[in-house]
Amino acid sequence: MVDVSQIKEHADVVGSDGAHVGTVDHVDKGEIKLTKKDAAAGGLHHFIPVDFVQSVEGNTVRLDRPAEEVKREWSTS
């Protein structure tokens, strides 16, 4: 289990394949809210479960699945 307190605002979020997923806005209620200003966001906030987090390495949050899979599963509400 990853210590979610290590996930910092503006950290880079990448899939298990190393591909960019988004940028952390903040963590709340078991979800990572991604910034809507990120190029990958399309102007919307996206939410991914903290359960997807494999590790936190400095300013990078690495997920346990590839970026494209995360984007198919993220929510906007």
C-alpha atoms as a PDB file:
ATOM      1  CA  MET A   1       0.000   0.000   0.000  1.00  0.00           C
ATOM      2  CA  VAL A   2       1.352   3.388  -1.023  1.00  0.00           C
ATOM      3  CA  ASP A   3       1.404   6.278   1.450  1.00  0.00           C
ATOM      4  CA  VAL A   4      -0.899   8.747  -0.340  1.00  0.00           C
ATOM      5  CA  SER A   5       0.490  11.609   1.737  1.00  0.00           C
ATOM      6  CA  GLN A   6       3.600  11.338  -0.487  1.00  0.00           C
ATOM      7  CA  ILE A   7       1.538  12.395  -3.533  1.00  0.00           C
ATOM      8  CA  LYS A   8       2.214  16.085  -4.008  1.00  0.00           C
ATOM      9  CA  GLU A   9       0.339  18.787  -5.889  1.00  0.00           C
ATOM     10  CA  HIS A  10       1.651  19.215  -9.466  1.00  0.00           C
ATOM     11  CA  ALA A  11       3.354  15.794  -9.460  1.00  0.00           C
ATOM     12  CA  ASP A  12       3.567  14.072 -12.846  1.00  0.00           C
ATOM     13  CA  VAL A  13       1.335  10.985 -13.187  1.00  0.00           C
ATOM     14  CA  VAL A  14       2.575   8.252 -15.537  1.00  0.00           C
ATOM     15  CA  GLY A  15       1.292   4.846 -16.523  1.00  0.00           C
ATOM     16  CA  SER A  16       3.208   1.597 -16.029  1.00  0.00           C
ATOM     17  CA  ASP A  17       4.449   2.114 -19.600  1.00  0.00           C
ATOM     18  CA  GLY A  18       6.013   5.471 -18.644  1.00  0.00           C
ATOM     19  CA  ALA A  19       3.499   7.445 -20.741  1.00  0.00           C
ATOM     20  CA  HIS A  20       2.111  10.699 -19.327  1.00  0.00           C
ATOM     21  CA  VAL A  21      -1.398  10.501 -17.829  1.00  0.00           C
ATOM     22  CA  GLY A  22      -1.758  13.889 -16.149  1.00  0.00           C
ATOM     23  CA  THR A  23      -0.711  16.253 -13.374  1.00  0.00           C
ATOM     24  CA  VAL A  24      -1.924  16.009  -9.775  1.00  0.00           C
ATOM     25  CA  ASP A  25      -4.302  18.748  -8.615  1.00  0.00           C
ATOM     26  CA  HIS A  26      -4.890  17.103  -5.223  1.00  0.00           C
ATOM     27  CA  VAL A  27      -5.863  13.871  -3.473  1.00  0.00           C
ATOM     28  CA  ASP A  28      -9.278  13.573  -1.831  1.00  0.00           C
ATOM     29  CA  LYS A  29     -11.557  10.726  -0.719  1.00  0.00           C
ATOM     30  CA  GLY A  30      -9.442   7.955  -2.220  1.00  0.00           C
ATOM     31  CA  GLU A  31      -9.026   9.614  -5.609  1.00  0.00           C
ATOM     32  CA  ILE A  32      -6.365  11.644  -7.359  1.00  0.00           C
ATOM     33  CA  LYS A  33      -7.856  14.686  -9.047  1.00  0.00           C
ATOM     34  CA  LEU A  34      -5.859  15.667 -12.124  1.00  0.00           C
ATOM     35  CA  THR A  35      -5.512  19.280 -13.270  1.00  0.00           C
ATOM     36  CA  LYS A  36      -7.705  20.336 -16.155  1.00  0.00           C
ATOM     37  CA  LYS A  37      -4.952  22.555 -17.590  1.00  0.00           C
ATOM     38  CA  ASP A  38      -2.775  19.550 -18.448  1.00  0.00           C
ATOM     39  CA  ALA A  39      -2.507  18.909 -22.197  1.00  0.00           C
ATOM     40  CA  ALA A  40      -3.819  15.336 -21.732  1.00  0.00           C
ATOM     41  CA  ALA A  41      -6.918  16.512 -19.838  1.00  0.00           C
ATOM     42  CA  GLY A  42      -8.866  18.113 -22.669  1.00  0.00           C
ATOM     43  CA  GLY A  43      -9.964  20.944 -20.367  1.00  0.00           C
ATOM     44  CA  LEU A  44     -11.610  18.618 -17.816  1.00  0.00           C
ATOM     45  CA  HIS A  45     -10.678  17.441 -14.340  1.00  0.00           C
ATOM     46  CA  HIS A  46     -10.216  13.663 -14.287  1.00  0.00           C
ATOM     47  CA  PHE A  47     -10.232  11.391 -11.257  1.00  0.00           C
ATOM     48  CA  ILE A  48      -8.327   8.153 -10.782  1.00  0.00           C
ATOM     49  CA  PRO A  49      -8.470   5.853  -7.746  1.00  0.00           C
ATOM     50  CA  VAL A  50      -5.424   5.897  -5.470  1.00  0.00           C
ATOM     51  CA  ASP A  51      -5.621   2.090  -5.751  1.00  0.00           C
ATOM     52  CA  PHE A  52      -4.033   2.510  -9.225  1.00  0.00           C
ATOM     53  CA  VAL A  53      -0.834   3.920  -7.668  1.00  0.00           C
ATOM     54  CA  GLN A  54       2.105   1.533  -7.774  1.00  0.00           C
ATOM     55  CA  SER A  55       4.724   3.917  -6.389  1.00  0.00           C
ATOM     56  CA  VAL A  56       5.588   7.536  -5.674  1.00  0.00           C
ATOM     57  CA  GLU A  57       9.125   8.451  -6.699  1.00  0.00           C
ATOM     58  CA  GLY A  58       9.972  12.061  -5.937  1.00  0.00           C
ATOM     59  CA  ASN A  59       7.663  14.184  -8.094  1.00  0.00           C
ATOM     60  CA  THR A  60       6.362  11.234 -10.150  1.00  0.00           C
ATOM     61  CA  VAL A  61       3.336   9.071  -9.405  1.00  0.00           C
ATOM     62  CA  ARG A  62       3.657   5.729 -11.226  1.00  0.00           C
ATOM     63  CA  LEU A  63       0.467   3.754 -11.834  1.00  0.00           C
ATOM     64  CA  ASP A  64       0.014  -0.024 -12.041  1.00  0.00           C
ATOM     65  CA  ARG A  65      -1.451  -0.009 -15.570  1.00  0.00           C
ATOM     66  CA  PRO A  66      -0.613   1.570 -18.941  1.00  0.00           C
ATOM     67  CA  ALA A  67      -1.654   5.175 -19.601  1.00  0.00           C
ATOM     68  CA  GLU A  68      -4.241   4.283 -22.262  1.00  0.00           C
ATOM     69  CA  GLU A  69      -5.980   1.867 -19.887  1.00  0.00           C
ATOM     70  CA  VAL A  70      -6.064   4.543 -17.156  1.00  0.00           C
ATOM     71  CA  LYS A  71      -7.623   7.027 -19.598  1.00  0.00           C
ATOM     72  CA  ARG A  72     -10.341   4.506 -20.473  1.00  0.00           C
ATOM     73  CA  GLU A  73     -11.147   4.063 -16.770  1.00  0.00           C
ATOM     74  CA  TRP A  74     -10.819   7.576 -15.328  1.00  0.00           C
ATOM     75  CA  SER A  75     -13.914   9.570 -14.463  1.00  0.00           C
ATOM     76  CA  THR A  76     -14.797  13.246 -14.818  1.00  0.00           C
ATOM     77  CA  SER A  77     -17.118  13.492 -11.811  1.00  0.00           C
END
